[in-house]
Protein backbone atom coordinates (compact mmCIF):
# COMPACT_ATOMS: atom_id res chain seq x y z
CA UNK A 1 -17.46 39.66 -66.45
CA UNK A 2 -14.94 41.72 -67.38
CA UNK A 3 -12.06 41.26 -69.13
CA UNK A 4 -8.40 41.63 -68.73
CA UNK A 5 -8.12 44.80 -71.58
CA UNK A 6 -10.80 46.12 -69.93
CA UNK A 7 -9.51 46.30 -66.69
CA UNK A 8 -6.11 47.90 -68.28
CA UNK A 9 -8.10 49.96 -70.60
CA UNK A 10 -10.32 51.43 -67.20
CA UNK A 11 -6.86 51.56 -65.43
CA UNK A 12 -5.15 53.10 -67.71
CA UNK A 13 -7.32 55.95 -68.47
CA UNK A 14 -7.12 56.94 -64.50
CA UNK A 15 -3.67 59.27 -64.15
CA UNK A 16 -2.66 58.23 -61.06
CA UNK A 17 -2.74 54.69 -61.66
CA UNK A 18 0.68 52.86 -61.24
CA UNK A 19 1.25 49.25 -62.55
CA UNK A 20 2.27 46.63 -59.68
CA UNK A 21 3.77 44.71 -62.91
CA UNK A 22 6.33 47.16 -63.82
CA UNK A 23 7.34 47.94 -59.94
CA UNK A 24 8.31 44.55 -59.51
CA UNK A 25 10.38 44.38 -63.02
CA UNK A 26 11.97 47.47 -61.55
CA UNK A 27 13.56 45.21 -58.15
CA UNK A 28 15.95 43.71 -61.05
CA UNK A 29 18.43 45.95 -60.59
CA UNK A 30 16.98 47.56 -57.20
CA UNK A 31 17.79 46.81 -53.55
CA UNK A 32 16.65 43.21 -54.05
CA UNK A 33 19.76 42.33 -56.31
CA UNK A 34 22.24 44.53 -54.03
CA UNK A 35 20.79 42.61 -50.78
CA UNK A 36 21.33 38.91 -52.14
CA UNK A 37 24.87 40.43 -53.80
CA UNK A 38 25.88 41.02 -50.03
CA UNK A 39 24.22 38.28 -49.47
CA UNK A 40 26.87 36.31 -50.71
CA UNK A 41 29.94 37.97 -50.65
CA UNK A 42 29.40 37.66 -46.56
CA UNK A 43 28.98 34.10 -46.67
CA UNK A 44 31.81 33.39 -48.72
CA UNK A 45 34.33 35.50 -46.90
CA UNK A 46 32.95 33.70 -43.40
CA UNK A 47 34.14 30.70 -45.27
CA UNK A 48 37.68 32.21 -46.35
CA UNK A 49 37.67 33.27 -42.48
CA UNK A 50 37.15 30.28 -40.54
CA UNK A 51 39.27 28.97 -37.70
CA UNK A 52 39.13 26.16 -34.59
CA UNK A 53 37.58 27.35 -31.21
CA UNK A 54 39.95 28.39 -28.91
CA UNK A 55 39.51 26.41 -25.60
CA UNK A 56 41.64 28.72 -24.05
CA UNK A 57 39.24 30.96 -23.01
CA UNK A 58 38.78 29.08 -19.89
CA UNK A 59 41.67 29.33 -18.82
CA UNK A 60 42.45 33.00 -19.16
CA UNK A 61 38.89 33.57 -17.30
CA UNK A 62 40.53 31.54 -14.26
CA UNK A 63 43.62 33.57 -14.53
CA UNK A 64 41.63 36.88 -14.66
CA UNK A 65 39.71 35.83 -11.58
CA UNK A 66 42.70 35.22 -9.51
CA UNK A 67 44.31 38.51 -10.73
CA UNK A 68 41.24 39.28 -8.70
CA UNK A 69 43.03 37.71 -5.59
CA UNK A 70 44.90 40.14 -3.39
CA UNK A 71 48.46 40.26 -2.50
CA UNK A 72 47.97 39.76 1.22
CA UNK A 73 45.59 36.82 0.70
CA UNK A 74 48.19 35.21 -1.84
CA UNK A 75 50.93 35.45 0.71
CA UNK A 76 48.95 34.57 3.40
CA UNK A 77 48.18 31.21 1.19
CA UNK A 78 51.77 30.87 0.76
CA UNK A 79 52.26 31.22 4.14
CA UNK A 80 49.95 28.51 5.28
CA UNK A 81 51.11 26.34 2.68
CA UNK A 82 54.94 26.24 4.03
CA UNK A 83 53.62 26.11 7.71
CA UNK A 84 51.77 22.79 6.60
CA UNK A 85 55.12 21.27 5.06
CA UNK A 86 56.90 22.32 7.71
CA UNK A 87 55.09 21.12 10.24
CA UNK A 88 55.12 17.79 8.46
CA UNK A 89 58.62 17.62 8.06
CA UNK A 90 58.74 18.61 12.17
CA UNK A 91 56.81 15.52 13.22
CA UNK A 92 58.63 13.61 10.93
CA UNK A 93 61.87 13.88 12.78
CA UNK A 94 60.32 13.46 15.74
CA UNK A 95 58.91 9.92 14.45
CA UNK A 96 62.35 8.94 13.74
CA UNK A 97 63.98 10.86 17.30
CA UNK A 98 61.48 8.45 19.45
CA UNK A 99 62.22 5.36 17.10
CA UNK A 100 65.70 5.85 17.12
CA UNK A 101 65.64 6.57 21.27
CA UNK A 102 63.62 3.33 22.05
CA UNK A 103 66.30 1.01 20.08
CA UNK A 104 69.08 3.33 21.65
CA UNK A 105 67.23 2.09 25.40
CA UNK A 106 66.53 -1.15 24.69
CA UNK A 107 69.87 -2.16 23.95
CA UNK A 108 71.64 0.23 27.01
CA UNK A 109 68.96 -1.49 29.27
CA UNK A 110 68.88 -4.85 27.73
CA UNK A 111 65.12 -4.43 27.12
CA UNK A 112 63.01 -7.85 25.98
CA UNK A 113 61.23 -5.30 23.65
CA UNK A 114 61.74 -1.94 22.57
CA UNK A 115 59.99 0.93 24.92
CA UNK A 116 57.84 3.75 24.02
CA UNK A 117 59.23 7.33 24.00
CA UNK A 118 57.36 10.39 23.69
CA UNK A 119 59.37 13.60 22.91
CA UNK A 120 57.43 16.76 24.10
CA UNK A 121 57.60 19.89 23.09
CA UNK A 122 56.96 22.05 20.20
CA UNK A 123 58.47 22.16 17.55
CA UNK A 124 60.97 19.47 18.02
CA UNK A 125 63.73 20.83 15.25
CA UNK A 126 64.05 23.78 17.24
CA UNK A 127 64.51 21.73 20.55
CA UNK A 128 66.94 19.56 18.60
CA UNK A 129 69.12 22.52 17.19
CA UNK A 130 69.62 24.00 20.62
CA UNK A 131 70.51 21.04 22.07
CA UNK A 132 67.77 20.50 25.22
CA UNK A 133 64.18 18.68 24.89
CA UNK A 134 61.58 19.98 27.07
CA UNK A 135 60.40 16.20 28.09
CA UNK A 136 60.39 13.10 27.35
CA UNK A 137 58.09 10.44 28.78
CA UNK A 138 59.58 6.91 28.21
CA UNK A 139 57.14 3.76 28.61
CA UNK A 140 58.44 0.28 29.32
CA UNK A 141 55.57 -2.14 29.02
CA UNK A 142 57.75 -5.34 30.30
CA UNK A 143 60.87 -5.53 32.23
CA UNK A 144 62.30 -8.41 34.35
CA UNK A 145 62.30 -8.21 38.12
CA UNK A 146 63.47 -11.28 39.85
CA UNK A 147 61.41 -14.20 39.42
CA UNK A 148 58.35 -12.12 37.73
CA UNK A 149 57.93 -9.30 35.26
CA UNK A 150 56.86 -5.64 35.90
CA UNK A 151 53.48 -4.72 34.23
CA UNK A 152 54.86 -1.93 33.48
CA UNK A 153 57.89 0.84 34.24
CA UNK A 154 56.92 4.99 33.32
CA UNK A 155 59.25 7.81 33.99
CA UNK A 156 59.27 11.37 32.59
CA UNK A 157 62.32 13.68 31.85
CA UNK A 158 62.63 17.07 31.92
CA UNK A 159 64.82 19.72 30.35
CA UNK A 160 66.64 16.96 28.47
CA UNK A 161 70.57 17.68 27.22
CA UNK A 162 71.46 16.31 24.32
CA UNK A 163 75.47 15.75 23.51
CA UNK A 164 76.48 15.47 20.12
CA UNK A 165 77.96 17.98 17.92
CA UNK A 166 75.14 19.11 15.65
CA UNK A 167 71.01 18.29 15.45
CA UNK A 168 71.75 14.89 13.33
CA UNK A 169 74.80 13.17 15.13
CA UNK A 170 73.57 12.99 19.07
CA UNK A 171 75.89 10.78 21.14
CA UNK A 172 73.69 10.95 24.21
CA UNK A 173 71.50 13.00 26.80
CA UNK A 174 71.70 14.03 30.56
CA UNK A 175 68.81 13.89 32.58
CA UNK A 176 68.68 16.38 35.30
CA UNK A 177 65.52 15.31 37.01
CA UNK A 178 63.11 12.11 36.16
CA UNK A 179 59.89 11.05 37.96
CA UNK A 180 57.72 7.57 37.19
CA UNK A 181 56.57 4.63 38.67
CA UNK A 182 56.39 0.80 38.60
CA UNK A 183 53.43 -1.24 38.72
CA UNK A 184 54.26 -5.02 40.31
CA UNK A 185 50.34 -6.19 38.19
CA UNK A 186 48.80 -8.93 40.35
CA UNK A 187 47.64 -10.55 36.81
CA UNK A 188 51.43 -11.15 36.06
CA UNK A 189 52.06 -12.40 39.70
CA UNK A 190 49.17 -14.79 39.18
CA UNK A 191 50.07 -16.01 35.91
CA UNK A 192 53.86 -16.47 36.69
CA UNK A 193 54.98 -17.57 40.28
CA UNK A 194 55.20 -20.97 39.31
CA UNK A 195 52.28 -23.51 38.59
CA UNK A 196 50.20 -22.88 41.62
CA UNK A 197 46.28 -21.06 41.15
CA UNK A 198 46.89 -18.77 43.10
CA UNK A 199 45.01 -15.31 43.31
CA UNK A 200 46.58 -11.78 44.86
CA UNK A 201 44.31 -9.81 46.57
CA UNK A 202 45.40 -5.97 47.82
CA UNK A 203 44.24 -5.85 51.50
CA UNK A 204 45.00 -2.39 52.78
CA UNK A 205 47.62 -0.18 51.79
CA UNK A 206 51.05 -2.67 52.54
CA UNK A 207 49.51 -6.17 52.77
CA UNK A 208 48.66 -8.60 49.81
CA UNK A 209 46.66 -11.93 50.53
CA UNK A 210 47.34 -14.90 48.53
CA UNK A 211 44.73 -17.21 47.71
CA UNK A 212 44.62 -20.80 45.91
CA UNK A 213 45.51 -24.29 45.35
CA UNK A 214 49.08 -24.95 44.97
CA UNK A 215 49.54 -28.61 43.75
CA UNK A 216 51.94 -31.37 45.89
CA UNK A 217 52.54 -34.78 45.23
CA UNK A 218 49.20 -35.08 42.84
CA UNK A 219 47.01 -33.18 45.04
CA UNK A 220 46.18 -30.02 45.30
CA UNK A 221 46.21 -28.00 48.35
CA UNK A 222 44.53 -24.90 49.34
CA UNK A 223 46.80 -22.28 49.94
CA UNK A 224 46.62 -19.11 52.44
CA UNK A 225 49.34 -16.45 52.96
CA UNK A 226 49.65 -12.90 53.58
CA UNK A 227 52.10 -10.44 52.54
CA UNK A 228 53.30 -7.47 53.98
CA UNK A 229 55.24 -5.10 51.46
CA UNK A 230 58.30 -2.67 52.55
CA UNK A 231 60.84 -0.52 50.89
CA UNK A 232 63.82 -2.31 51.06
CA UNK A 233 66.24 0.18 50.82
CA UNK A 234 66.85 2.90 48.52
CA UNK A 235 65.97 0.89 45.36
CA UNK A 236 63.83 -2.19 46.58
CA UNK A 237 60.86 -3.30 47.73
CA UNK A 238 60.79 -6.92 50.24
CA UNK A 239 57.73 -8.96 51.49
CA UNK A 240 57.62 -10.71 54.51
CA UNK A 241 55.79 -13.55 54.44
CA UNK A 242 53.48 -14.88 56.91
CA UNK A 243 50.15 -16.68 57.73
CA UNK A 244 50.85 -19.61 55.48
CA UNK A 245 49.18 -22.73 55.58
CA UNK A 246 48.15 -25.75 53.24
CA UNK A 247 45.00 -27.81 54.25
CA UNK A 248 44.51 -30.82 52.91
CA UNK A 249 40.33 -31.32 52.79
CA UNK A 250 39.08 -30.97 56.52
CA UNK A 251 41.61 -34.04 57.34
CA UNK A 252 44.96 -32.02 57.83
CA UNK A 253 46.47 -28.56 57.88
CA UNK A 254 50.28 -27.65 57.04
CA UNK A 255 52.15 -24.94 58.22
CA UNK A 256 55.75 -24.74 57.09
CA UNK A 257 58.40 -23.67 59.75
CA UNK A 258 59.97 -25.72 63.28
CA UNK A 259 58.11 -24.41 66.15
CA UNK A 260 55.57 -26.19 67.66
CA UNK A 261 52.61 -25.08 65.89
CA UNK A 262 53.87 -25.78 62.45
CA UNK A 263 54.14 -28.93 61.01
CA UNK A 264 51.02 -31.02 59.80
CA UNK A 265 47.83 -31.29 62.44
CA UNK A 266 44.79 -32.58 61.94
CA UNK A 267 42.37 -29.90 61.97
CA UNK A 268 39.61 -29.88 64.54
CA UNK A 269 36.74 -31.80 62.93
CA UNK A 270 38.89 -34.61 61.68
CA UNK A 271 40.10 -34.61 65.37
CA UNK A 272 36.42 -34.72 66.75
CA UNK A 273 35.38 -37.42 64.32
CA UNK A 274 38.31 -40.23 65.42
CA UNK A 275 35.25 -40.43 68.38
CA UNK A 276 32.98 -41.92 66.01
CA UNK A 277 35.71 -43.45 63.92
CA UNK A 278 37.05 -46.18 65.87
CA UNK A 279 39.32 -47.95 63.63
CA UNK A 280 41.30 -44.94 63.36
CA UNK A 281 41.31 -44.14 67.52
CA UNK A 282 42.32 -47.69 67.95
CA UNK A 283 45.19 -47.47 65.72
CA UNK A 284 45.83 -44.26 67.03
CA UNK A 285 46.03 -45.15 70.75
CA UNK A 286 47.81 -48.43 69.86
CA UNK A 287 51.37 -46.58 69.39
CA UNK A 288 52.86 -46.05 73.14
CA UNK A 289 54.71 -42.96 71.78
CA UNK A 290 51.86 -41.29 70.55
CA UNK A 291 49.88 -42.22 73.61
CA UNK A 292 52.86 -40.64 75.61
CA UNK A 293 52.58 -37.33 73.45
CA UNK A 294 48.79 -37.13 74.06
CA UNK A 295 49.15 -37.18 77.74
CA UNK A 296 46.69 -40.19 78.36
CA UNK A 297 47.04 -42.26 80.90
CA UNK A 298 48.20 -46.17 79.95
CA UNK A 299 45.02 -47.06 82.19
CA UNK A 300 42.80 -45.52 80.59
CA UNK A 301 44.02 -46.35 77.21
CA UNK A 302 43.64 -49.97 78.27
CA UNK A 303 40.08 -49.56 79.10
CA UNK A 304 39.25 -47.80 76.04
CA UNK A 305 40.49 -50.55 73.75
CA UNK A 306 38.78 -52.81 75.94
CA UNK A 307 35.21 -50.99 75.02
CA UNK A 308 34.20 -49.01 72.62
CA UNK A 309 31.76 -46.82 74.98
CA UNK A 310 34.94 -45.87 77.00
CA UNK A 311 36.89 -45.59 73.87
CA UNK A 312 34.31 -43.11 72.33
CA UNK A 313 34.36 -41.03 75.43
CA UNK A 314 37.74 -40.68 75.72
CA UNK A 315 38.56 -39.72 71.48
CA UNK A 316 35.42 -37.64 71.90
CA UNK A 317 36.12 -35.62 74.94
CA UNK A 318 37.35 -31.74 74.30
CA UNK A 319 40.59 -32.57 76.06
CA UNK A 320 41.90 -35.03 73.98
CA UNK A 321 40.20 -33.15 70.76
CA UNK A 322 42.73 -30.28 71.52
CA UNK A 323 45.98 -32.86 72.76
CA UNK A 324 45.43 -34.76 68.94
CA UNK A 325 45.67 -31.68 66.84
CA UNK A 326 48.89 -30.55 68.60
CA UNK A 327 50.61 -33.84 66.98
CA UNK A 328 52.85 -32.92 64.55
CA UNK A 329 51.56 -35.72 62.18
CA UNK A 330 55.14 -35.46 60.05
CA UNK A 331 56.85 -36.54 63.62
CA UNK A 332 54.63 -39.35 63.37
CA UNK A 333 55.02 -40.36 60.17
CA UNK A 334 59.00 -40.38 60.38
CA UNK A 335 58.57 -42.78 63.31
CA UNK A 336 55.34 -44.77 62.17
CA UNK A 337 54.50 -43.66 58.24
CA UNK A 338 52.02 -47.21 58.32
CA UNK A 339 49.77 -45.69 61.04
CA UNK A 340 49.11 -41.94 58.82
CA UNK A 341 48.08 -44.08 56.04
CA UNK A 342 45.24 -45.58 57.59
CA UNK A 343 44.40 -41.98 58.88
CA UNK A 344 43.73 -41.61 55.08
CA UNK A 345 46.93 -39.39 54.82
CA UNK A 346 48.89 -40.61 51.33
CA UNK A 347 52.86 -41.50 52.17
CA UNK A 348 53.53 -39.29 48.92
CA UNK A 349 51.73 -36.20 49.86
CA UNK A 350 53.54 -36.66 53.76
CA UNK A 351 56.87 -36.51 51.66
CA UNK A 352 56.27 -33.82 49.50
CA UNK A 353 55.16 -31.74 52.70
CA UNK A 354 58.17 -32.45 54.59
CA UNK A 355 60.30 -30.91 51.20
CA UNK A 356 57.55 -28.37 50.58
CA UNK A 357 59.93 -25.96 53.63
CA UNK A 358 59.66 -21.98 54.72
CA UNK A 359 62.29 -20.95 52.43
CA UNK A 360 60.89 -22.69 49.47
CA UNK A 361 57.58 -21.90 49.59
CA UNK A 362 58.35 -17.99 50.99
CA UNK A 363 60.54 -18.03 47.38
CA UNK A 364 57.42 -18.90 45.77
CA UNK A 365 55.33 -16.20 47.04
CA UNK A 366 58.03 -14.05 46.75
CA UNK A 367 57.42 -10.19 45.42
CA UNK A 368 59.99 -8.28 45.62
CA UNK A 369 62.56 -6.76 42.95
CA UNK A 370 64.84 -3.85 43.18
CA UNK A 371 66.09 -1.03 40.21
CA UNK A 372 68.45 -1.16 38.16
CA UNK A 373 72.07 0.71 39.41
CA UNK A 374 72.38 3.50 37.10
CA UNK A 375 76.24 3.72 35.75
CA UNK A 376 75.48 7.57 36.38
CA UNK A 377 73.56 9.41 39.10
CA UNK A 378 71.12 8.09 41.68
CA UNK A 379 67.50 6.70 41.13
CA UNK A 380 65.20 5.69 44.00
CA UNK A 381 62.45 4.25 45.21
CA UNK A 382 60.18 6.60 47.42
CA UNK A 383 57.28 5.12 47.93
CA UNK A 384 55.61 1.60 48.43
CA UNK A 385 51.89 1.12 48.11
CA UNK A 386 49.41 -1.36 47.67
CA UNK A 387 46.10 -0.58 45.14
CA UNK A 388 43.56 -2.98 43.31
CA UNK A 389 45.25 -3.49 40.41
CA UNK A 390 49.07 -4.38 42.13
CA UNK A 391 52.25 -2.41 44.16
CA UNK A 392 52.66 0.88 43.03
CA UNK A 393 55.84 2.14 43.49
CA UNK A 394 57.14 5.75 43.12
CA UNK A 395 60.60 6.10 41.80
CA UNK A 396 63.15 9.38 40.88
CA UNK A 397 66.11 10.23 39.43
CA UNK A 398 68.55 12.43 39.29
CA UNK A 399 71.53 13.37 37.24
CA UNK A 400 71.62 10.76 35.06
CA UNK A 401 73.04 9.96 31.48
CA UNK A 402 72.12 7.99 28.48
CA UNK A 403 74.21 6.64 25.88
CA UNK A 404 77.88 7.76 26.18
């Protein structure tokens, strides 16, 4: 084993040999010391120069982004925003004007509720400044018309001229032309015409059928009537009621009026049934005045009252049935009230029918109405027609003035 002395002696004898320990010692004042000194100096300087982070760098970046948008694009965005605000202001002014107009029409026409007002044309503010509206549509859902309510009245006025000192001081309007429609609803008629359960249906262009029940003296009588719709002058419609009849089961039929065919009469079935109901037949033939009305000879009556076979033969004949149906039972009741009780008729019902005259029943089934007469201008009915949902009437107007 070689000793360190021997190793040193060995390398020391070599002229090209350099001792590594000497080289490490030489680094004390060399580049390493300079590097460490520079690192300490830099660390101290960075500690003295520390500052908080700048959070506005993001906003600067955003400003730099918008800085890249062209002036034309910015102008377009500004125009769009302005247009949106102007449109909003225009619609707000329109809604306000429609509300004010509805309130004024309600007060002027004495309506139960404010109508629906729809002002057409765009923009509204320029029309208002020009004191002219392209069109105004008014819808009134519930207007009193005689004894019933019209389901709907709708009208559209065009080229409306506004009167006032400025856009915010409108006193009224002038309507040169108006077109509208009136609907007399069958549903309203069914609901409002008395306490009866009557249904109205259209039949043809100008006819309405009424079918249902009518309470009379505690009895529900089947009602049948036909109404023909016609125009009454230039501002009204009227109905001509015909074919009215009230059926008391299959016992009798009441037709209001004074003609021979009108009044209270036995039905064909009940008159024919007298031949099988001897008690009722005997009661009828026991009254001389009724026998004279029936035109039956006295000898035939006496024989029938003694023999049931002859009674059935007499009352069952076609001529007797026909003559029995011609009897006005209201006239019979006036002289022989007990007799009709034996025939199955309630005296209270007979009394109620006697008061249910033709004018009273016609009034209960009347469908007529008239347009209001405007203070200025004219309103006319142009067409009346019967449709599935009701009676529809076309209306025109000219030179109308609202307000003032």
